[in-house]
Amino acid sequence: MPKLDRTYSTSGNLFKQKEEITHYLGLSKEEIGKVFAYLNSVSFNYTLGNPPKMDKSVFSMRKN
């Protein structure tokens, strides 16, 4: 089983910004939300603006 590369990402602290955040500096919350929605659609392979519905029947406690 391959091991995770723990050197790729590091935990940050309050006083030191990570370099990944530089792309999002100056963006509004709405713009960051749009980026997040796009990245989710690419990651989970669905069309942008049409996420799959959650199957809530799995969590149903009703007896049939």
C-alpha atoms as a PDB file:
ATOM      1  CA  MET A   1       0.000   0.000   0.000  1.00  0.00           C
ATOM      2  CA  PRO A   2       1.513   3.375  -0.970  1.00  0.00           C
ATOM      3  CA  LYS A   3       2.222   5.860   1.794  1.00  0.00           C
ATOM      4  CA  LEU A   4       0.875   9.391   1.825  1.00  0.00           C
ATOM      5  CA  ASP A   5       3.292  12.197   1.046  1.00  0.00           C
ATOM      6  CA  ARG A   6       3.043  14.195   4.270  1.00  0.00           C
ATOM      7  CA  THR A   7       5.528  16.802   3.042  1.00  0.00           C
ATOM      8  CA  TYR A   8       3.164  18.113   0.327  1.00  0.00           C
ATOM      9  CA  SER A   9       0.863  19.986   2.681  1.00  0.00           C
ATOM     10  CA  THR A  10       1.628  21.539   6.025  1.00  0.00           C
ATOM     11  CA  SER A  11      -0.574  22.899   8.743  1.00  0.00           C
ATOM     12  CA  GLY A  12      -0.659  26.664   8.851  1.00  0.00           C
ATOM     13  CA  ASN A  13      -0.916  29.108  11.651  1.00  0.00           C
ATOM     14  CA  LEU A  14      -2.637  32.409  12.209  1.00  0.00           C
ATOM     15  CA  PHE A  15       0.358  34.564  11.321  1.00  0.00           C
ATOM     16  CA  LYS A  16       1.719  32.791   8.245  1.00  0.00           C
ATOM     17  CA  GLN A  17      -0.384  32.497   5.087  1.00  0.00           C
ATOM     18  CA  LYS A  18      -0.017  29.445   2.918  1.00  0.00           C
ATOM     19  CA  GLU A  19       0.793  30.002  -0.751  1.00  0.00           C
ATOM     20  CA  GLU A  20      -2.444  28.270  -1.838  1.00  0.00           C
ATOM     21  CA  ILE A  21      -4.494  31.184  -0.527  1.00  0.00           C
ATOM     22  CA  THR A  22      -2.896  33.806  -2.784  1.00  0.00           C
ATOM     23  CA  HIS A  23      -5.257  32.940  -5.654  1.00  0.00           C
ATOM     24  CA  TYR A  24      -8.295  33.798  -3.539  1.00  0.00           C
ATOM     25  CA  LEU A  25      -7.122  37.003  -1.856  1.00  0.00           C
ATOM     26  CA  GLY A  26      -9.393  39.911  -2.749  1.00  0.00           C
ATOM     27  CA  LEU A  27     -12.287  37.728  -3.907  1.00  0.00           C
ATOM     28  CA  SER A  28     -15.727  38.218  -2.396  1.00  0.00           C
ATOM     29  CA  LYS A  29     -17.579  35.405  -0.637  1.00  0.00           C
ATOM     30  CA  GLU A  30     -19.814  34.974  -3.673  1.00  0.00           C
ATOM     31  CA  GLU A  31     -16.830  34.603  -6.012  1.00  0.00           C
ATOM     32  CA  ILE A  32     -15.185  32.067  -3.693  1.00  0.00           C
ATOM     33  CA  GLY A  33     -18.488  30.171  -3.613  1.00  0.00           C
ATOM     34  CA  LYS A  34     -18.541  30.041  -7.413  1.00  0.00           C
ATOM     35  CA  VAL A  35     -14.974  28.695  -7.475  1.00  0.00           C
ATOM     36  CA  PHE A  36     -15.906  26.098  -4.847  1.00  0.00           C
ATOM     37  CA  ALA A  37     -18.987  25.022  -6.839  1.00  0.00           C
ATOM     38  CA  TYR A  38     -16.911  24.681 -10.016  1.00  0.00           C
ATOM     39  CA  LEU A  39     -14.198  22.629  -8.307  1.00  0.00           C
ATOM     40  CA  ASN A  40     -16.834  20.323  -6.783  1.00  0.00           C
ATOM     41  CA  SER A  41     -18.489  19.815 -10.166  1.00  0.00           C
ATOM     42  CA  VAL A  42     -15.156  18.860 -11.716  1.00  0.00           C
ATOM     43  CA  SER A  43     -14.183  16.618  -8.785  1.00  0.00           C
ATOM     44  CA  PHE A  44     -17.450  14.714  -8.635  1.00  0.00           C
ATOM     45  CA  ASN A  45     -18.158  14.771 -12.400  1.00  0.00           C
ATOM     46  CA  TYR A  46     -21.502  16.563 -12.653  1.00  0.00           C
ATOM     47  CA  THR A  47     -22.616  19.534 -14.712  1.00  0.00           C
ATOM     48  CA  LEU A  48     -22.115  22.912 -13.101  1.00  0.00           C
ATOM     49  CA  GLY A  49     -25.318  24.079 -11.437  1.00  0.00           C
ATOM     50  CA  ASN A  50     -26.876  20.606 -11.428  1.00  0.00           C
ATOM     51  CA  PRO A  51     -25.474  18.671  -8.447  1.00  0.00           C
ATOM     52  CA  PRO A  52     -26.789  15.155  -7.817  1.00  0.00           C
ATOM     53  CA  LYS A  53     -29.582  14.774  -5.264  1.00  0.00           C
ATOM     54  CA  MET A  54     -28.835  12.981  -2.012  1.00  0.00           C
ATOM     55  CA  ASP A  55     -30.592   9.631  -1.533  1.00  0.00           C
ATOM     56  CA  LYS A  56     -32.286  10.184   1.830  1.00  0.00           C
ATOM     57  CA  SER A  57     -34.065   6.827   1.805  1.00  0.00           C
ATOM     58  CA  VAL A  58     -30.933   5.274   3.290  1.00  0.00           C
ATOM     59  CA  PHE A  59     -31.497   7.250   6.481  1.00  0.00           C
ATOM     60  CA  SER A  60     -35.222   6.457   6.766  1.00  0.00           C
ATOM     61  CA  MET A  61     -36.266   4.777  10.016  1.00  0.00           C
ATOM     62  CA  ARG A  62     -39.693   3.752   8.701  1.00  0.00           C
ATOM     63  CA  LYS A  63     -40.516   0.060   8.602  1.00  0.00           C
ATOM     64  CA  ASN A  64     -42.170  -1.099   5.363  1.00  0.00           C
END
